[in-house]
Amino acid sequence: MLVELATAAALAQIKPSERLCDDSGTTVAVNSCLEAKLERANARLGRYVQAAIHRYKDEPALRRGIRASQKAFESYRKAECDAVFEQWKEGTIRGSMLLGCEVGVTDARTHDVWQHWLEYVDSAPPILPEPTPTR
């Protein structure tokens, strides 16, 4: 519950202009931009998850846990963003809302992976830099 609240708080601080592409273009252009953002967000998440798994290469139970949490995240993201799509299904904005949801939730997951698995509790630098919203 605490992690969910922290994730929601982090997402709320992201300016809409950082979450969505320029909305002055056509629907096709905005969706294309968001698809590219989602591709970048997914690639970065993959790098962070792989780095976390590599960090704990000598701890099989922890690696299994990280993989299981990633699989659960993918199910959560689909359910959450499908619900957003459902909310907007009557409008032309439905695709943009779905993609924007996927980018935002993916960015939040990347930050969670970084915070839980790639950052140290002492003054040592993190394994990867703290992720910022996907641009």
C-alpha atoms as a PDB file:
ATOM      1  CA  MET A   1       0.000   0.000   0.000  1.00  0.00           C
ATOM      2  CA  LEU A   2       2.799   2.417   0.889  1.00  0.00           C
ATOM      3  CA  VAL A   3       4.565   1.703  -2.420  1.00  0.00           C
ATOM      4  CA  GLU A   4       1.300   2.294  -4.314  1.00  0.00           C
ATOM      5  CA  LEU A   5       0.850   5.649  -2.570  1.00  0.00           C
ATOM      6  CA  ALA A   6       4.438   6.643  -3.322  1.00  0.00           C
ATOM      7  CA  THR A   7       3.988   5.647  -6.966  1.00  0.00           C
ATOM      8  CA  ALA A   8       0.759   7.647  -7.232  1.00  0.00           C
ATOM      9  CA  ALA A   9       2.441  10.647  -5.621  1.00  0.00           C
ATOM     10  CA  ALA A  10       5.386  10.409  -8.022  1.00  0.00           C
ATOM     11  CA  LEU A  11       3.069  10.248 -11.033  1.00  0.00           C
ATOM     12  CA  ALA A  12       1.052  13.199  -9.780  1.00  0.00           C
ATOM     13  CA  GLN A  13       4.210  15.333  -9.734  1.00  0.00           C
ATOM     14  CA  ILE A  14       4.948  14.661 -13.397  1.00  0.00           C
ATOM     15  CA  LYS A  15       3.737  17.597 -15.453  1.00  0.00           C
ATOM     16  CA  PRO A  16       1.183  16.704 -18.147  1.00  0.00           C
ATOM     17  CA  SER A  17       3.600  18.061 -20.751  1.00  0.00           C
ATOM     18  CA  GLU A  18       6.127  15.423 -19.639  1.00  0.00           C
ATOM     19  CA  ARG A  19       3.551  12.627 -19.688  1.00  0.00           C
ATOM     20  CA  LEU A  20       1.939  13.328 -23.041  1.00  0.00           C
ATOM     21  CA  CYS A  21       3.174  14.334 -26.437  1.00  0.00           C
ATOM     22  CA  ASP A  22       2.343  17.686 -28.005  1.00  0.00           C
ATOM     23  CA  ASP A  23      -1.424  17.691 -28.235  1.00  0.00           C
ATOM     24  CA  SER A  24      -1.492  20.345 -30.944  1.00  0.00           C
ATOM     25  CA  GLY A  25      -0.924  17.735 -33.659  1.00  0.00           C
ATOM     26  CA  THR A  26      -3.289  15.280 -35.224  1.00  0.00           C
ATOM     27  CA  THR A  27      -4.526  12.216 -33.360  1.00  0.00           C
ATOM     28  CA  VAL A  28      -2.300  10.060 -35.544  1.00  0.00           C
ATOM     29  CA  ALA A  29       0.759  12.224 -34.798  1.00  0.00           C
ATOM     30  CA  VAL A  30       0.106  12.251 -31.047  1.00  0.00           C
ATOM     31  CA  ASN A  31      -0.418   8.479 -31.002  1.00  0.00           C
ATOM     32  CA  SER A  32       2.753   7.957 -33.012  1.00  0.00           C
ATOM     33  CA  CYS A  33       4.700  10.102 -30.552  1.00  0.00           C
ATOM     34  CA  LEU A  34       3.234   8.221 -27.589  1.00  0.00           C
ATOM     35  CA  GLU A  35       4.023   4.864 -29.199  1.00  0.00           C
ATOM     36  CA  ALA A  36       7.656   5.953 -29.536  1.00  0.00           C
ATOM     37  CA  LYS A  37       7.666   7.106 -25.904  1.00  0.00           C
ATOM     38  CA  LEU A  38       6.235   3.778 -24.798  1.00  0.00           C
ATOM     39  CA  GLU A  39       8.910   1.933 -26.760  1.00  0.00           C
ATOM     40  CA  ARG A  40      11.613   3.976 -24.985  1.00  0.00           C
ATOM     41  CA  ALA A  41       9.953   3.489 -21.596  1.00  0.00           C
ATOM     42  CA  ASN A  42       9.702  -0.284 -22.128  1.00  0.00           C
ATOM     43  CA  ALA A  43      13.331  -0.511 -23.258  1.00  0.00           C
ATOM     44  CA  ARG A  44      14.517   1.392 -20.213  1.00  0.00           C
ATOM     45  CA  LEU A  45      12.381  -0.722 -17.881  1.00  0.00           C
ATOM     46  CA  GLY A  46      13.896  -3.837 -19.438  1.00  0.00           C
ATOM     47  CA  ARG A  47      17.415  -2.518 -18.801  1.00  0.00           C
ATOM     48  CA  TYR A  48      16.604  -1.715 -15.172  1.00  0.00           C
ATOM     49  CA  VAL A  49      14.978  -5.096 -14.522  1.00  0.00           C
ATOM     50  CA  GLN A  50      17.930  -6.904 -16.117  1.00  0.00           C
ATOM     51  CA  ALA A  51      20.367  -4.866 -14.020  1.00  0.00           C
ATOM     52  CA  ALA A  52      18.424  -5.790 -10.879  1.00  0.00           C
ATOM     53  CA  ILE A  53      18.467  -9.467 -11.806  1.00  0.00           C
ATOM     54  CA  HIS A  54      22.191  -9.270 -12.557  1.00  0.00           C
ATOM     55  CA  ARG A  55      22.901  -7.527  -9.252  1.00  0.00           C
ATOM     56  CA  TYR A  56      21.422 -10.492  -7.409  1.00  0.00           C
ATOM     57  CA  LYS A  57      22.919 -13.183  -9.650  1.00  0.00           C
ATOM     58  CA  ASP A  58      23.946 -15.230  -6.606  1.00  0.00           C
ATOM     59  CA  GLU A  59      20.492 -15.109  -4.998  1.00  0.00           C
ATOM     60  CA  PRO A  60      18.092 -17.286  -7.029  1.00  0.00           C
ATOM     61  CA  ALA A  61      15.073 -16.706  -4.784  1.00  0.00           C
ATOM     62  CA  LEU A  62      15.453 -12.942  -5.103  1.00  0.00           C
ATOM     63  CA  ARG A  63      15.859 -13.171  -8.887  1.00  0.00           C
ATOM     64  CA  ARG A  64      12.674 -15.257  -9.060  1.00  0.00           C
ATOM     65  CA  GLY A  65      10.911 -12.630  -6.952  1.00  0.00           C
ATOM     66  CA  ILE A  66      12.011  -9.804  -9.229  1.00  0.00           C
ATOM     67  CA  ARG A  67      10.856 -11.749 -12.293  1.00  0.00           C
ATOM     68  CA  ALA A  68       7.530 -12.589 -10.629  1.00  0.00           C
ATOM     69  CA  SER A  69       6.971  -8.952  -9.681  1.00  0.00           C
ATOM     70  CA  GLN A  70       7.708  -7.919 -13.261  1.00  0.00           C
ATOM     71  CA  LYS A  71       5.180 -10.401 -14.591  1.00  0.00           C
ATOM     72  CA  ALA A  72       2.601  -9.127 -12.077  1.00  0.00           C
ATOM     73  CA  PHE A  73       3.379  -5.559 -13.146  1.00  0.00           C
ATOM     74  CA  GLU A  74       2.706  -6.431 -16.788  1.00  0.00           C
ATOM     75  CA  SER A  75      -0.706  -7.843 -15.819  1.00  0.00           C
ATOM     76  CA  TYR A  76      -1.439  -4.793 -13.684  1.00  0.00           C
ATOM     77  CA  ARG A  77      -0.441  -2.375 -16.452  1.00  0.00           C
ATOM     78  CA  LYS A  78      -2.709  -4.130 -18.933  1.00  0.00           C
ATOM     79  CA  ALA A  79      -5.696  -4.104 -16.562  1.00  0.00           C
ATOM     80  CA  GLU A  80      -5.146  -0.505 -15.453  1.00  0.00           C
ATOM     81  CA  CYS A  81      -4.653   0.928 -18.915  1.00  0.00           C
ATOM     82  CA  ASP A  82      -7.425  -1.184 -20.454  1.00  0.00           C
ATOM     83  CA  ALA A  83      -9.732   0.415 -17.870  1.00  0.00           C
ATOM     84  CA  VAL A  84      -8.504   3.859 -18.946  1.00  0.00           C
ATOM     85  CA  PHE A  85      -9.213   2.915 -22.559  1.00  0.00           C
ATOM     86  CA  GLU A  86     -12.703   1.775 -21.540  1.00  0.00           C
ATOM     87  CA  GLN A  87     -13.350   5.129 -19.888  1.00  0.00           C
ATOM     88  CA  TRP A  88     -12.467   6.958 -23.119  1.00  0.00           C
ATOM     89  CA  LYS A  89     -13.675   4.377 -25.668  1.00  0.00           C
ATOM     90  CA  GLU A  90     -16.239   6.706 -27.226  1.00  0.00           C
ATOM     91  CA  GLY A  91     -13.695   9.397 -28.101  1.00  0.00           C
ATOM     92  CA  THR A  92     -10.864   9.760 -30.557  1.00  0.00           C
ATOM     93  CA  ILE A  93      -8.577  10.387 -27.585  1.00  0.00           C
ATOM     94  CA  ARG A  94      -8.931   6.761 -26.400  1.00  0.00           C
ATOM     95  CA  GLY A  95      -5.666   5.626 -28.003  1.00  0.00           C
ATOM     96  CA  SER A  96      -3.729   8.553 -26.572  1.00  0.00           C
ATOM     97  CA  MET A  97      -5.171   7.946 -23.126  1.00  0.00           C
ATOM     98  CA  LEU A  98      -4.238   4.257 -23.292  1.00  0.00           C
ATOM     99  CA  LEU A  99      -0.697   4.984 -24.452  1.00  0.00           C
ATOM    100  CA  GLY A 100      -0.249   7.800 -21.943  1.00  0.00           C
ATOM    101  CA  CYS A 101      -1.348   5.448 -19.178  1.00  0.00           C
ATOM    102  CA  GLU A 102       1.114   2.788 -20.320  1.00  0.00           C
ATOM    103  CA  VAL A 103       3.989   5.283 -20.425  1.00  0.00           C
ATOM    104  CA  GLY A 104       3.180   6.696 -16.974  1.00  0.00           C
ATOM    105  CA  VAL A 105       2.735   3.319 -15.292  1.00  0.00           C
ATOM    106  CA  THR A 106       5.903   1.993 -16.954  1.00  0.00           C
ATOM    107  CA  ASP A 107       7.893   5.012 -15.779  1.00  0.00           C
ATOM    108  CA  ALA A 108       6.604   4.473 -12.236  1.00  0.00           C
ATOM    109  CA  ARG A 109       7.585   0.780 -12.354  1.00  0.00           C
ATOM    110  CA  THR A 110      11.064   1.693 -13.588  1.00  0.00           C
ATOM    111  CA  HIS A 111      11.465   4.051 -10.666  1.00  0.00           C
ATOM    112  CA  ASP A 112      10.274   1.352  -8.253  1.00  0.00           C
ATOM    113  CA  VAL A 113      12.810  -1.138  -9.659  1.00  0.00           C
ATOM    114  CA  TRP A 114      15.547   1.469  -9.310  1.00  0.00           C
ATOM    115  CA  GLN A 115      14.532   2.351  -5.752  1.00  0.00           C
ATOM    116  CA  HIS A 116      14.180  -1.239  -4.514  1.00  0.00           C
ATOM    117  CA  TRP A 117      16.955  -3.021  -6.371  1.00  0.00           C
ATOM    118  CA  LEU A 118      19.466  -0.626  -7.890  1.00  0.00           C
ATOM    119  CA  GLU A 119      19.930   2.079  -5.273  1.00  0.00           C
ATOM    120  CA  TYR A 120      22.066   1.536  -2.179  1.00  0.00           C
ATOM    121  CA  VAL A 121      21.040   2.596   1.323  1.00  0.00           C
ATOM    122  CA  ASP A 122      24.462   4.084   2.012  1.00  0.00           C
ATOM    123  CA  SER A 123      26.285   6.761   0.043  1.00  0.00           C
ATOM    124  CA  ALA A 124      27.365   4.403  -2.758  1.00  0.00           C
ATOM    125  CA  PRO A 125      26.144   5.537  -6.178  1.00  0.00           C
ATOM    126  CA  PRO A 126      23.227   3.562  -7.636  1.00  0.00           C
ATOM    127  CA  ILE A 127      23.884   0.902 -10.250  1.00  0.00           C
ATOM    128  CA  LEU A 128      21.909   2.922 -12.816  1.00  0.00           C
ATOM    129  CA  PRO A 129      20.837   6.570 -12.599  1.00  0.00           C
ATOM    130  CA  GLU A 130      17.488   7.507 -11.089  1.00  0.00           C
ATOM    131  CA  PRO A 131      14.976   7.365 -13.934  1.00  0.00           C
ATOM    132  CA  THR A 132      13.106  10.475 -14.965  1.00  0.00           C
ATOM    133  CA  PRO A 133       9.852  10.624 -16.940  1.00  0.00           C
ATOM    134  CA  THR A 134      10.226   9.323 -20.474  1.00  0.00           C
ATOM    135  CA  ARG A 135      10.485  12.086 -23.032  1.00  0.00           C
END
